[in-house]
Amino acid sequence: EITDTNSPVEEGDDLEVTAEIKNEGDVSDTQTVDLDVSGLGTDSESVQLDGGSDTTETFEVSTGSNDAGDYTAEVESEDDSDSTSVGVEETAFFAVEITDTNSPVEESEDLEVIVEIENEGDVSDTQTVDLDVSGLGSDSESVQLDGESATTETFEISTGSNDAGDYTVEVESEDESDSTSVEIKESAFFAVEITDTNSPVEEGDDLEVTAEIENEGDVSD
């Protein structure tokens, strides 16, 4: 009789099935008792019992990646069998996708990156999700998600003077990464150059100065 299992287990963990084995006869005997989980594997134990005695045995079957699913575990002696349903759950898998940014931003403004994080597995997990913008900086968030659930996180990177340019933003969990291009625009800078005057002028006349003014930055002002 199957009395217990550790089901459900996560992919990569051992599935354990505990069975009570009783010799209901009067004479001692030794039999091989087998566990079979079709699609996963088998285990067996040689059991010796006196008449009227019983024992408990724990059988183990290894699981691995892509083993997620529902199974039937069957324990069988030469005389009897018992079965039960067991399950193997998919390991947590944190998929990440950059869904939006506030790019382009002006130098000294914060760059914001919005990321959707989805646990595509069956079991809950906590992972550190990292954002990296090479040449600018990084940010990270500790994210806890139940199986088959999702959340949205906003990451921020500070910018400063002389940071103008094009960059690649990469967000990464333990399982997956995503990237996108962003732009930091140079702050407005009004350069002035006197190009002409009507100097010298006679007393009583207006002095005129002509100047060229150029915004050398990327943003209007």
N, C-alpha and C. Protein backbone atom coordinates (compact mmCIF):
# COMPACT_ATOMS: atom_id res chain seq x y z
N GLU A 1 0.84 -1.19 0.00
CA GLU A 1 0.00 0.00 0.00
C GLU A 1 0.89 1.25 0.00
N ILE A 2 0.63 2.17 -0.96
CA ILE A 2 1.35 3.44 -0.98
C ILE A 2 0.77 4.32 0.12
N THR A 3 1.62 4.74 1.06
CA THR A 3 1.15 5.53 2.20
C THR A 3 1.49 7.01 2.08
N ASP A 4 2.50 7.36 1.22
CA ASP A 4 2.89 8.77 1.15
C ASP A 4 3.77 8.98 -0.09
N THR A 5 3.79 10.23 -0.56
CA THR A 5 4.75 10.65 -1.59
C THR A 5 5.15 12.09 -1.25
N ASN A 6 6.21 12.56 -1.88
CA ASN A 6 6.59 13.97 -1.73
C ASN A 6 6.11 14.80 -2.92
N SER A 7 5.15 14.24 -3.66
CA SER A 7 4.56 14.94 -4.81
C SER A 7 3.74 16.13 -4.34
N PRO A 8 3.77 17.26 -5.11
CA PRO A 8 4.54 17.46 -6.35
C PRO A 8 5.99 17.84 -6.05
N VAL A 9 6.87 17.44 -6.95
CA VAL A 9 8.28 17.82 -6.83
C VAL A 9 8.65 18.70 -8.02
N GLU A 10 9.73 19.45 -7.86
CA GLU A 10 10.23 20.31 -8.92
C GLU A 10 11.16 19.51 -9.83
N GLU A 11 11.15 19.84 -11.12
CA GLU A 11 12.08 19.21 -12.05
C GLU A 11 13.50 19.25 -11.48
N GLY A 12 14.17 18.10 -11.53
CA GLY A 12 15.53 18.00 -10.98
C GLY A 12 15.58 17.42 -9.59
N ASP A 13 14.42 17.37 -8.90
CA ASP A 13 14.35 16.76 -7.57
C ASP A 13 13.93 15.31 -7.68
N ASP A 14 14.27 14.51 -6.65
CA ASP A 14 13.86 13.11 -6.64
C ASP A 14 12.40 12.98 -6.19
N LEU A 15 11.66 12.16 -6.92
CA LEU A 15 10.30 11.80 -6.50
C LEU A 15 10.39 10.62 -5.53
N GLU A 16 9.82 10.76 -4.34
CA GLU A 16 9.86 9.71 -3.33
C GLU A 16 8.46 9.12 -3.12
N VAL A 17 8.41 7.80 -3.09
CA VAL A 17 7.14 7.09 -2.86
C VAL A 17 7.36 6.11 -1.71
N THR A 18 6.55 6.28 -0.67
CA THR A 18 6.66 5.41 0.51
C THR A 18 5.54 4.38 0.48
N ALA A 19 5.91 3.12 0.67
CA ALA A 19 4.92 2.03 0.61
C ALA A 19 5.06 1.14 1.84
N GLU A 20 3.92 0.71 2.36
CA GLU A 20 3.89 -0.29 3.44
C GLU A 20 3.74 -1.66 2.80
N ILE A 21 4.63 -2.57 3.18
CA ILE A 21 4.64 -3.92 2.60
C ILE A 21 4.40 -4.91 3.74
N LYS A 22 3.37 -5.74 3.58
CA LYS A 22 3.00 -6.66 4.65
C LYS A 22 2.92 -8.08 4.11
N ASN A 23 3.53 -9.00 4.84
CA ASN A 23 3.40 -10.43 4.52
C ASN A 23 2.19 -10.96 5.27
N GLU A 24 1.10 -11.15 4.54
CA GLU A 24 -0.14 -11.60 5.18
C GLU A 24 -0.20 -13.11 5.33
N GLY A 25 0.82 -13.79 4.83
CA GLY A 25 0.86 -15.24 4.99
C GLY A 25 1.51 -15.65 6.31
N ASP A 26 1.73 -16.95 6.45
CA ASP A 26 2.28 -17.47 7.71
C ASP A 26 3.78 -17.77 7.61
N VAL A 27 4.30 -17.87 6.39
CA VAL A 27 5.70 -18.26 6.24
C VAL A 27 6.52 -17.08 5.73
N SER A 28 7.79 -17.07 6.10
CA SER A 28 8.67 -15.98 5.67
C SER A 28 8.97 -16.10 4.17
N ASP A 29 9.29 -14.97 3.56
CA ASP A 29 9.58 -14.97 2.12
C ASP A 29 10.38 -13.71 1.79
N THR A 30 11.04 -13.78 0.66
CA THR A 30 11.74 -12.62 0.13
C THR A 30 11.23 -12.34 -1.28
N GLN A 31 10.81 -11.12 -1.50
CA GLN A 31 10.32 -10.73 -2.82
C GLN A 31 10.95 -9.41 -3.24
N THR A 32 11.02 -9.20 -4.56
CA THR A 32 11.43 -7.91 -5.10
C THR A 32 10.18 -7.06 -5.31
N VAL A 33 10.18 -5.90 -4.68
CA VAL A 33 9.06 -4.97 -4.81
C VAL A 33 9.51 -3.83 -5.72
N ASP A 34 8.71 -3.57 -6.75
CA ASP A 34 9.09 -2.60 -7.78
C ASP A 34 8.21 -1.36 -7.74
N LEU A 35 8.86 -0.23 -7.96
CA LEU A 35 8.15 1.02 -8.22
C LEU A 35 8.34 1.36 -9.69
N ASP A 36 7.24 1.67 -10.37
CA ASP A 36 7.31 2.10 -11.77
C ASP A 36 6.50 3.38 -11.94
N VAL A 37 7.19 4.41 -12.45
CA VAL A 37 6.52 5.66 -12.81
C VAL A 37 6.73 5.81 -14.32
N SER A 38 5.74 5.38 -15.07
CA SER A 38 5.88 5.35 -16.52
C SER A 38 6.22 6.73 -17.07
N GLY A 39 7.30 6.78 -17.84
CA GLY A 39 7.74 8.04 -18.40
C GLY A 39 8.83 8.71 -17.59
N LEU A 40 9.05 8.24 -16.35
CA LEU A 40 10.08 8.81 -15.49
C LEU A 40 11.18 7.81 -15.15
N GLY A 41 10.77 6.63 -14.63
CA GLY A 41 11.78 5.66 -14.24
C GLY A 41 11.24 4.64 -13.27
N THR A 42 12.14 3.81 -12.76
CA THR A 42 11.77 2.73 -11.86
C THR A 42 12.74 2.66 -10.69
N ASP A 43 12.31 1.92 -9.66
CA ASP A 43 13.16 1.60 -8.52
C ASP A 43 12.68 0.28 -7.95
N SER A 44 13.52 -0.43 -7.27
CA SER A 44 13.12 -1.71 -6.69
C SER A 44 13.87 -1.97 -5.40
N GLU A 45 13.26 -2.78 -4.54
CA GLU A 45 13.86 -3.18 -3.27
C GLU A 45 13.60 -4.66 -3.05
N SER A 46 14.62 -5.36 -2.56
CA SER A 46 14.44 -6.74 -2.14
C SER A 46 13.99 -6.74 -0.68
N VAL A 47 12.81 -7.32 -0.42
CA VAL A 47 12.20 -7.24 0.92
C VAL A 47 12.02 -8.65 1.48
N GLN A 48 12.55 -8.87 2.67
CA GLN A 48 12.38 -10.15 3.37
C GLN A 48 11.46 -9.92 4.56
N LEU A 49 10.39 -10.73 4.67
CA LEU A 49 9.44 -10.58 5.76
C LEU A 49 9.05 -11.94 6.33
N ASP A 50 9.01 -12.02 7.65
CA ASP A 50 8.44 -13.19 8.29
C ASP A 50 6.93 -13.16 8.13
N GLY A 51 6.30 -14.29 8.36
CA GLY A 51 4.85 -14.34 8.26
C GLY A 51 4.18 -13.39 9.24
N GLY A 52 3.20 -12.63 8.76
CA GLY A 52 2.46 -11.71 9.62
C GLY A 52 3.18 -10.43 9.95
N SER A 53 4.35 -10.18 9.36
CA SER A 53 5.11 -8.96 9.67
C SER A 53 5.01 -7.97 8.50
N ASP A 54 5.43 -6.74 8.78
CA ASP A 54 5.36 -5.72 7.74
C ASP A 54 6.56 -4.77 7.88
N THR A 55 6.76 -3.97 6.84
CA THR A 55 7.84 -2.98 6.82
C THR A 55 7.43 -1.82 5.92
N THR A 56 8.18 -0.76 6.01
CA THR A 56 7.93 0.40 5.16
C THR A 56 9.19 0.69 4.36
N GLU A 57 9.02 0.90 3.07
CA GLU A 57 10.13 1.18 2.18
C GLU A 57 9.84 2.49 1.42
N THR A 58 10.91 3.25 1.20
CA THR A 58 10.80 4.47 0.40
C THR A 58 11.55 4.28 -0.91
N PHE A 59 10.84 4.44 -2.00
CA PHE A 59 11.41 4.29 -3.34
C PHE A 59 11.66 5.68 -3.92
N GLU A 60 12.67 5.78 -4.80
CA GLU A 60 13.04 7.07 -5.38
C GLU A 60 13.18 6.96 -6.90
N VAL A 61 12.70 7.99 -7.59
CA VAL A 61 12.87 8.11 -9.03
C VAL A 61 13.38 9.52 -9.31
N SER A 62 14.46 9.62 -10.09
CA SER A 62 15.02 10.93 -10.42
C SER A 62 14.17 11.63 -11.48
N THR A 63 14.15 12.96 -11.42
CA THR A 63 13.50 13.76 -12.45
C THR A 63 14.51 14.75 -13.03
N GLY A 64 14.20 15.27 -14.19
CA GLY A 64 15.09 16.22 -14.84
C GLY A 64 14.31 17.27 -15.60
N SER A 65 15.05 18.09 -16.36
CA SER A 65 14.39 19.13 -17.15
C SER A 65 13.44 18.49 -18.16
N ASN A 66 12.35 19.17 -18.43
CA ASN A 66 11.30 18.73 -19.37
C ASN A 66 10.50 17.54 -18.86
N ASP A 67 10.62 17.23 -17.57
CA ASP A 67 9.83 16.12 -16.99
C ASP A 67 8.52 16.60 -16.38
N ALA A 68 8.23 17.89 -16.44
CA ALA A 68 7.01 18.41 -15.81
C ALA A 68 5.77 17.71 -16.38
N GLY A 69 4.86 17.37 -15.48
CA GLY A 69 3.63 16.72 -15.91
C GLY A 69 3.04 15.86 -14.81
N ASP A 70 1.93 15.19 -15.12
CA ASP A 70 1.25 14.30 -14.19
C ASP A 70 1.56 12.85 -14.56
N TYR A 71 1.78 12.04 -13.52
CA TYR A 71 2.19 10.65 -13.74
C TYR A 71 1.43 9.74 -12.78
N THR A 72 1.51 8.43 -13.08
CA THR A 72 0.97 7.41 -12.18
C THR A 72 2.14 6.60 -11.63
N ALA A 73 2.22 6.54 -10.30
CA ALA A 73 3.25 5.73 -9.64
C ALA A 73 2.61 4.42 -9.19
N GLU A 74 3.23 3.31 -9.59
CA GLU A 74 2.69 1.99 -9.23
C GLU A 74 3.75 1.19 -8.49
N VAL A 75 3.36 0.66 -7.31
CA VAL A 75 4.22 -0.23 -6.53
C VAL A 75 3.64 -1.63 -6.62
N GLU A 76 4.53 -2.59 -6.91
CA GLU A 76 4.03 -3.95 -7.17
C GLU A 76 4.95 -4.99 -6.55
N SER A 77 4.33 -5.92 -5.82
CA SER A 77 5.04 -7.12 -5.36
C SER A 77 4.64 -8.27 -6.30
N GLU A 78 5.04 -9.51 -5.96
CA GLU A 78 4.63 -10.64 -6.79
C GLU A 78 3.15 -10.95 -6.62
N ASP A 79 2.53 -10.37 -5.56
CA ASP A 79 1.17 -10.76 -5.22
C ASP A 79 0.15 -9.63 -5.31
N ASP A 80 0.61 -8.37 -5.26
CA ASP A 80 -0.34 -7.27 -5.12
C ASP A 80 0.30 -6.01 -5.70
N SER A 81 -0.54 -5.01 -5.95
CA SER A 81 -0.03 -3.73 -6.44
C SER A 81 -0.91 -2.60 -5.92
N ASP A 82 -0.35 -1.40 -5.94
CA ASP A 82 -1.09 -0.19 -5.56
C ASP A 82 -0.54 0.96 -6.40
N SER A 83 -1.39 1.94 -6.66
CA SER A 83 -0.94 3.06 -7.49
C SER A 83 -1.53 4.37 -6.98
N THR A 84 -0.89 5.47 -7.36
CA THR A 84 -1.36 6.80 -6.99
C THR A 84 -0.87 7.81 -8.03
N SER A 85 -1.51 8.95 -8.07
CA SER A 85 -1.11 10.01 -9.00
C SER A 85 -0.05 10.88 -8.36
N VAL A 86 0.95 11.27 -9.16
CA VAL A 86 2.02 12.16 -8.70
C VAL A 86 2.25 13.22 -9.76
N GLY A 87 2.91 14.29 -9.35
CA GLY A 87 3.16 15.39 -10.29
C GLY A 87 4.57 15.92 -10.18
N VAL A 88 5.10 16.36 -11.34
CA VAL A 88 6.39 17.03 -11.40
C VAL A 88 6.14 18.43 -11.95
N GLU A 89 6.58 19.44 -11.21
CA GLU A 89 6.31 20.82 -11.59
C GLU A 89 7.49 21.43 -12.34
N GLU A 90 7.16 22.29 -13.29
CA GLU A 90 8.19 22.95 -14.09
C GLU A 90 8.98 23.93 -13.23
N THR A 91 10.28 23.88 -13.35
CA THR A 91 11.16 24.79 -12.61
C THR A 91 10.85 26.24 -12.96
N ALA A 92 11.02 27.11 -11.99
CA ALA A 92 10.81 28.54 -12.23
C ALA A 92 11.69 29.01 -13.39
N PHE A 93 11.09 29.84 -14.27
CA PHE A 93 11.81 30.42 -15.40
C PHE A 93 11.33 31.86 -15.53
N PHE A 94 12.24 32.80 -15.24
CA PHE A 94 11.88 34.22 -15.27
C PHE A 94 12.18 34.80 -16.65
N ALA A 95 11.11 34.97 -17.45
CA ALA A 95 11.24 35.61 -18.76
C ALA A 95 11.16 37.13 -18.56
N VAL A 96 12.00 37.87 -19.28
CA VAL A 96 12.03 39.32 -19.14
C VAL A 96 11.82 39.97 -20.51
N GLU A 97 11.08 41.07 -20.52
CA GLU A 97 10.83 41.82 -21.75
C GLU A 97 10.78 43.31 -21.44
N ILE A 98 11.59 44.10 -22.14
CA ILE A 98 11.54 45.55 -22.01
C ILE A 98 10.33 46.04 -22.78
N THR A 99 9.39 46.65 -22.07
CA THR A 99 8.14 47.07 -22.71
C THR A 99 8.10 48.56 -23.02
N ASP A 100 8.95 49.37 -22.33
CA ASP A 100 8.92 50.81 -22.59
C ASP A 100 10.14 51.47 -21.94
N THR A 101 10.49 52.65 -22.48
CA THR A 101 11.50 53.51 -21.85
C THR A 101 11.05 54.95 -22.03
N ASN A 102 11.69 55.87 -21.31
CA ASN A 102 11.40 57.30 -21.50
C ASN A 102 12.43 57.95 -22.41
N SER A 103 13.17 57.12 -23.16
CA SER A 103 14.15 57.62 -24.13
C SER A 103 13.44 58.32 -25.29
N PRO A 104 14.02 59.43 -25.81
CA PRO A 104 15.29 60.03 -25.38
C PRO A 104 15.12 60.92 -24.15
N VAL A 105 16.16 60.99 -23.32
CA VAL A 105 16.15 61.89 -22.18
C VAL A 105 17.32 62.86 -22.32
N GLU A 106 17.19 63.97 -21.62
CA GLU A 106 18.24 64.99 -21.64
C GLU A 106 19.28 64.68 -20.58
N GLU A 107 20.52 65.03 -20.86
CA GLU A 107 21.58 64.86 -19.86
C GLU A 107 21.12 65.38 -18.50
N SER A 108 21.45 64.63 -17.45
CA SER A 108 21.11 64.91 -16.05
C SER A 108 19.70 64.47 -15.67
N GLU A 109 18.92 63.97 -16.63
CA GLU A 109 17.63 63.37 -16.30
C GLU A 109 17.81 61.87 -16.11
N ASP A 110 16.89 61.26 -15.33
CA ASP A 110 16.96 59.82 -15.13
C ASP A 110 16.40 59.08 -16.33
N LEU A 111 17.11 58.06 -16.76
CA LEU A 111 16.62 57.15 -17.79
C LEU A 111 15.78 56.07 -17.11
N GLU A 112 14.55 55.89 -17.56
CA GLU A 112 13.66 54.90 -16.97
C GLU A 112 13.39 53.78 -17.98
N VAL A 113 13.47 52.55 -17.50
CA VAL A 113 13.23 51.38 -18.34
C VAL A 113 12.19 50.51 -17.65
N ILE A 114 11.11 50.21 -18.34
CA ILE A 114 10.02 49.41 -17.78
C ILE A 114 10.15 47.99 -18.31
N VAL A 115 10.14 47.03 -17.39
CA VAL A 115 10.38 45.62 -17.74
C VAL A 115 9.25 44.76 -17.19
N GLU A 116 8.71 43.90 -18.06
CA GLU A 116 7.75 42.88 -17.62
C GLU A 116 8.51 41.60 -17.32
N ILE A 117 8.28 41.04 -16.13
CA ILE A 117 8.97 39.84 -15.68
C ILE A 117 7.90 38.77 -15.41
N GLU A 118 8.02 37.64 -16.07
CA GLU A 118 7.02 36.58 -15.94
C GLU A 118 7.69 35.27 -15.54
N ASN A 119 7.17 34.65 -14.49
CA ASN A 119 7.62 33.31 -14.09
C ASN A 119 6.81 32.29 -14.89
N GLU A 120 7.43 31.70 -15.90
CA GLU A 120 6.73 30.76 -16.77
C GLU A 120 6.71 29.35 -16.19
N GLY A 121 7.39 29.15 -15.07
CA GLY A 121 7.39 27.84 -14.43
C GLY A 121 6.20 27.66 -13.51
N ASP A 122 6.18 26.51 -12.80
CA ASP A 122 5.07 26.18 -11.90
C ASP A 122 5.35 26.54 -10.45
N VAL A 123 6.61 26.69 -10.08
CA VAL A 123 6.97 26.90 -8.67
C VAL A 123 7.43 28.33 -8.44
N SER A 124 7.20 28.82 -7.24
CA SER A 124 7.60 30.18 -6.89
C SER A 124 9.12 30.27 -6.77
N ASP A 125 9.63 31.48 -6.97
CA ASP A 125 11.07 31.68 -6.88
C ASP A 125 11.33 33.17 -6.67
N THR A 126 12.53 33.47 -6.19
CA THR A 126 12.99 34.85 -6.07
C THR A 126 14.30 34.98 -6.83
N GLN A 127 14.36 35.95 -7.74
CA GLN A 127 15.57 36.17 -8.52
C GLN A 127 15.92 37.65 -8.50
N THR A 128 17.20 37.94 -8.67
CA THR A 128 17.66 39.31 -8.86
C THR A 128 17.67 39.60 -10.36
N VAL A 129 16.93 40.63 -10.74
CA VAL A 129 16.88 41.04 -12.15
C VAL A 129 17.74 42.29 -12.29
N ASP A 130 18.69 42.25 -13.22
CA ASP A 130 19.67 43.32 -13.38
C ASP A 130 19.44 44.09 -14.67
N LEU A 131 19.61 45.41 -14.57
CA LEU A 131 19.60 46.28 -15.74
C LEU A 131 20.98 46.89 -15.87
N ASP A 132 21.53 46.84 -17.07
CA ASP A 132 22.87 47.39 -17.30
C ASP A 132 22.85 48.24 -18.56
N VAL A 133 23.39 49.45 -18.42
CA VAL A 133 23.60 50.33 -19.57
C VAL A 133 25.09 50.64 -19.58
N SER A 134 25.82 49.93 -20.44
CA SER A 134 27.27 50.08 -20.46
C SER A 134 27.66 51.52 -20.75
N GLY A 135 28.48 52.07 -19.87
CA GLY A 135 28.90 53.45 -20.01
C GLY A 135 28.07 54.42 -19.21
N LEU A 136 26.94 53.96 -18.68
CA LEU A 136 26.07 54.84 -17.87
C LEU A 136 25.93 54.34 -16.44
N GLY A 137 25.56 53.08 -16.27
CA GLY A 137 25.36 52.56 -14.91
C GLY A 137 24.47 51.34 -14.93
N SER A 138 24.02 50.92 -13.75
CA SER A 138 23.21 49.71 -13.60
C SER A 138 22.20 49.88 -12.49
N ASP A 139 21.23 49.00 -12.48
CA ASP A 139 20.20 48.97 -11.45
C ASP A 139 19.75 47.52 -11.31
N SER A 140 19.21 47.17 -10.16
CA SER A 140 18.75 45.79 -9.96
C SER A 140 17.56 45.78 -9.00
N GLU A 141 16.75 44.73 -9.15
CA GLU A 141 15.59 44.54 -8.29
C GLU A 141 15.50 43.07 -7.92
N SER A 142 15.18 42.80 -6.64
CA SER A 142 14.89 41.44 -6.21
C SER A 142 13.40 41.19 -6.44
N VAL A 143 13.10 40.16 -7.23
CA VAL A 143 11.72 39.91 -7.66
C VAL A 143 11.27 38.53 -7.19
N GLN A 144 10.16 38.47 -6.47
CA GLN A 144 9.56 37.21 -6.04
C GLN A 144 8.29 36.98 -6.83
N LEU A 145 8.18 35.80 -7.45
CA LEU A 145 6.99 35.50 -8.24
C LEU A 145 6.53 34.07 -7.98
N ASP A 146 5.22 33.92 -7.81
CA ASP A 146 4.64 32.58 -7.77
C ASP A 146 4.67 31.99 -9.18
N GLY A 147 4.42 30.70 -9.28
CA GLY A 147 4.38 30.06 -10.58
C GLY A 147 3.31 30.67 -11.47
N GLU A 148 3.64 30.84 -12.74
CA GLU A 148 2.72 31.36 -13.76
C GLU A 148 2.16 32.73 -13.37
N SER A 149 2.99 33.58 -12.82
CA SER A 149 2.57 34.95 -12.49
C SER A 149 3.58 35.93 -13.05
N ALA A 150 3.20 37.21 -13.08
CA ALA A 150 4.04 38.23 -13.70
C ALA A 150 3.96 39.53 -12.92
N THR A 151 4.95 40.39 -13.15
CA THR A 151 4.96 41.72 -12.54
C THR A 151 5.70 42.67 -13.48
N THR A 152 5.55 43.95 -13.22
CA THR A 152 6.24 44.98 -13.99
C THR A 152 7.10 45.81 -13.05
N GLU A 153 8.35 46.01 -13.42
CA GLU A 153 9.29 46.78 -12.62
C GLU A 153 9.85 47.93 -13.45
N THR A 154 10.08 49.08 -12.78
CA THR A 154 10.69 50.22 -13.43
C THR A 154 12.11 50.41 -12.89
N PHE A 155 13.08 50.36 -13.77
CA PHE A 155 14.49 50.54 -13.42
C PHE A 155 14.90 51.96 -13.80
N GLU A 156 15.83 52.53 -13.02
CA GLU A 156 16.28 53.90 -13.27
C GLU A 156 17.80 53.98 -13.32
N ILE A 157 18.29 54.76 -14.27
CA ILE A 157 19.73 55.03 -14.41
C ILE A 157 19.90 56.54 -14.45
N SER A 158 20.78 57.08 -13.59
CA SER A 158 21.05 58.52 -13.60
C SER A 158 21.98 58.86 -14.77
N THR A 159 21.77 60.04 -15.31
CA THR A 159 22.67 60.55 -16.36
C THR A 159 23.23 61.89 -15.92
N GLY A 160 24.31 62.32 -16.57
CA GLY A 160 24.95 63.58 -16.22
C GLY A 160 25.50 64.27 -17.45
N SER A 161 26.21 65.34 -17.21
CA SER A 161 26.81 66.07 -18.32
C SER A 161 27.82 65.19 -19.04
N ASN A 162 27.92 65.39 -20.33
CA ASN A 162 28.82 64.62 -21.20
C ASN A 162 28.37 63.17 -21.40
N ASP A 163 27.14 62.84 -21.02
CA ASP A 163 26.62 61.49 -21.23
C ASP A 163 25.85 61.36 -22.54
N ALA A 164 25.76 62.42 -23.31
CA ALA A 164 24.98 62.37 -24.55
C ALA A 164 25.51 61.28 -25.47
N GLY A 165 24.57 60.56 -26.08
CA GLY A 165 24.97 59.50 -27.01
C GLY A 165 23.93 58.42 -27.10
N ASP A 166 24.23 57.40 -27.89
CA ASP A 166 23.36 56.24 -28.05
C ASP A 166 23.90 55.09 -27.22
N TYR A 167 23.00 54.38 -26.57
CA TYR A 167 23.39 53.30 -25.67
C TYR A 167 22.50 52.08 -25.88
N THR A 168 22.97 50.95 -25.39
CA THR A 168 22.19 49.72 -25.38
C THR A 168 21.84 49.36 -23.94
N VAL A 169 20.56 49.19 -23.69
CA VAL A 169 20.07 48.78 -22.37
C VAL A 169 19.85 47.27 -22.40
N GLU A 170 20.39 46.57 -21.40
CA GLU A 170 20.16 45.12 -21.30
C GLU A 170 19.61 44.79 -19.93
N VAL A 171 18.51 44.03 -19.92
CA VAL A 171 17.93 43.55 -18.67
C VAL A 171 18.08 42.04 -18.66
N GLU A 172 18.40 41.48 -17.48
CA GLU A 172 18.74 40.06 -17.42
C GLU A 172 18.26 39.45 -16.11
N SER A 173 17.57 38.32 -16.21
CA SER A 173 17.26 37.48 -15.06
C SER A 173 18.26 36.34 -15.05
N GLU A 174 18.05 35.34 -14.20
CA GLU A 174 18.94 34.18 -14.21
C GLU A 174 18.71 33.30 -15.43
N ASP A 175 17.58 33.55 -16.13
CA ASP A 175 17.18 32.64 -17.20
C ASP A 175 17.16 33.26 -18.59
N GLU A 176 16.98 34.58 -18.67
CA GLU A 176 16.75 35.19 -19.98
C GLU A 176 17.17 36.65 -19.94
N SER A 177 17.38 37.23 -21.13
CA SER A 177 17.73 38.65 -21.21
C SER A 177 16.99 39.30 -22.37
N ASP A 178 16.94 40.64 -22.33
CA ASP A 178 16.34 41.42 -23.41
C ASP A 178 17.10 42.74 -23.48
N SER A 179 17.11 43.37 -24.66
CA SER A 179 17.85 44.62 -24.81
C SER A 179 17.12 45.55 -25.76
N THR A 180 17.46 46.83 -25.66
CA THR A 180 16.91 47.84 -26.55
C THR A 180 17.86 49.03 -26.61
N SER A 181 17.69 49.87 -27.62
CA SER A 181 18.53 51.06 -27.79
C SER A 181 17.85 52.27 -27.15
N VAL A 182 18.67 53.13 -26.54
CA VAL A 182 18.16 54.37 -25.95
C VAL A 182 19.10 55.51 -26.33
N GLU A 183 18.62 56.74 -26.12
CA GLU A 183 19.41 57.91 -26.51
C GLU A 183 19.41 58.94 -25.38
N ILE A 184 20.57 59.49 -25.10
CA ILE A 184 20.72 60.60 -24.18
C ILE A 184 21.05 61.83 -25.02
N LYS A 185 20.24 62.89 -24.92
CA LYS A 185 20.45 64.08 -25.73
C LYS A 185 21.26 65.12 -24.96
N GLU A 186 22.11 65.81 -25.70
CA GLU A 186 22.93 66.86 -25.11
C GLU A 186 22.05 68.04 -24.69
N SER A 187 22.29 68.56 -23.49
CA SER A 187 21.51 69.71 -23.01
C SER A 187 21.74 70.92 -23.90
N ALA A 188 20.75 71.79 -23.91
CA ALA A 188 20.88 73.01 -24.70
C ALA A 188 22.11 73.81 -24.25
N PHE A 189 22.86 74.33 -25.23
CA PHE A 189 24.03 75.16 -24.94
C PHE A 189 24.07 76.27 -25.99
N PHE A 190 23.83 77.51 -25.53
CA PHE A 190 23.77 78.64 -26.45
C PHE A 190 25.16 79.27 -26.61
N ALA A 191 25.80 78.98 -27.73
CA ALA A 191 27.10 79.59 -28.05
C ALA A 191 26.85 80.91 -28.79
N VAL A 192 27.58 81.96 -28.40
CA VAL A 192 27.41 83.27 -29.05
C VAL A 192 28.74 83.73 -29.64
N GLU A 193 28.64 84.35 -30.81
CA GLU A 193 29.82 84.88 -31.48
C GLU A 193 29.46 86.22 -32.13
N ILE A 194 30.20 87.28 -31.76
CA ILE A 194 29.99 88.58 -32.39
C ILE A 194 30.58 88.53 -33.79
N THR A 195 29.74 88.78 -34.76
CA THR A 195 30.18 88.67 -36.15
C THR A 195 30.41 90.03 -36.81
N ASP A 196 29.83 91.10 -36.20
CA ASP A 196 29.98 92.41 -36.85
C ASP A 196 29.55 93.51 -35.88
N THR A 197 30.09 94.72 -36.09
CA THR A 197 29.60 95.94 -35.41
C THR A 197 29.70 97.08 -36.42
N ASN A 198 29.01 98.17 -36.09
CA ASN A 198 29.15 99.37 -36.93
C ASN A 198 30.12 100.38 -36.31
N SER A 199 30.95 99.84 -35.37
CA SER A 199 31.99 100.67 -34.73
C SER A 199 33.05 101.06 -35.76
N PRO A 200 33.61 102.28 -35.68
CA PRO A 200 33.20 103.32 -34.70
C PRO A 200 31.97 104.08 -35.18
N VAL A 201 31.26 104.62 -34.19
CA VAL A 201 30.09 105.45 -34.51
C VAL A 201 30.32 106.86 -33.98
N GLU A 202 29.61 107.79 -34.54
CA GLU A 202 29.68 109.18 -34.11
C GLU A 202 28.79 109.37 -32.90
N GLU A 203 29.21 110.29 -32.03
CA GLU A 203 28.37 110.61 -30.87
C GLU A 203 26.96 110.92 -31.33
N GLY A 204 26.00 110.26 -30.62
CA GLY A 204 24.60 110.48 -30.95
C GLY A 204 24.03 109.39 -31.84
N ASP A 205 24.91 108.60 -32.50
CA ASP A 205 24.42 107.49 -33.33
C ASP A 205 24.33 106.21 -32.48
N ASP A 206 23.50 105.27 -32.93
CA ASP A 206 23.36 103.97 -32.24
C ASP A 206 24.55 103.06 -32.57
N LEU A 207 25.04 102.40 -31.52
CA LEU A 207 26.06 101.38 -31.73
C LEU A 207 25.36 100.06 -31.99
N GLU A 208 25.68 99.42 -33.07
CA GLU A 208 25.06 98.16 -33.43
C GLU A 208 26.08 97.02 -33.35
N VAL A 209 25.65 95.93 -32.70
CA VAL A 209 26.50 94.73 -32.57
C VAL A 209 25.69 93.54 -33.10
N THR A 210 26.23 92.84 -34.07
CA THR A 210 25.57 91.66 -34.64
C THR A 210 26.24 90.40 -34.09
N ALA A 211 25.41 89.50 -33.57
CA ALA A 211 25.94 88.26 -32.98
C ALA A 211 25.23 87.05 -33.56
N GLU A 212 25.96 85.96 -33.74
CA GLU A 212 25.38 84.66 -34.13
C GLU A 212 25.22 83.82 -32.86
N ILE A 213 24.02 83.34 -32.68
CA ILE A 213 23.71 82.53 -31.49
C ILE A 213 23.31 81.14 -31.97
N GLU A 214 24.00 80.10 -31.48
CA GLU A 214 23.75 78.74 -31.93
C GLU A 214 23.52 77.83 -30.71
N ASN A 215 22.41 77.07 -30.77
CA ASN A 215 22.16 76.06 -29.75
C ASN A 215 22.91 74.80 -30.17
N GLU A 216 24.02 74.56 -29.48
CA GLU A 216 24.85 73.40 -29.84
C GLU A 216 24.37 72.09 -29.21
N GLY A 217 23.33 72.17 -28.38
CA GLY A 217 22.78 70.97 -27.77
C GLY A 217 21.80 70.28 -28.69
N ASP A 218 21.14 69.21 -28.14
CA ASP A 218 20.19 68.45 -28.92
C ASP A 218 18.75 68.84 -28.65
N VAL A 219 18.51 69.56 -27.55
CA VAL A 219 17.14 69.88 -27.17
C VAL A 219 16.88 71.38 -27.30
N SER A 220 15.60 71.70 -27.53
CA SER A 220 15.24 73.12 -27.67
C SER A 220 15.27 73.79 -26.30
N ASP A 221 15.42 75.13 -26.35
CA ASP A 221 15.44 75.90 -25.10
C ASP A 221 15.08 77.34 -25.43
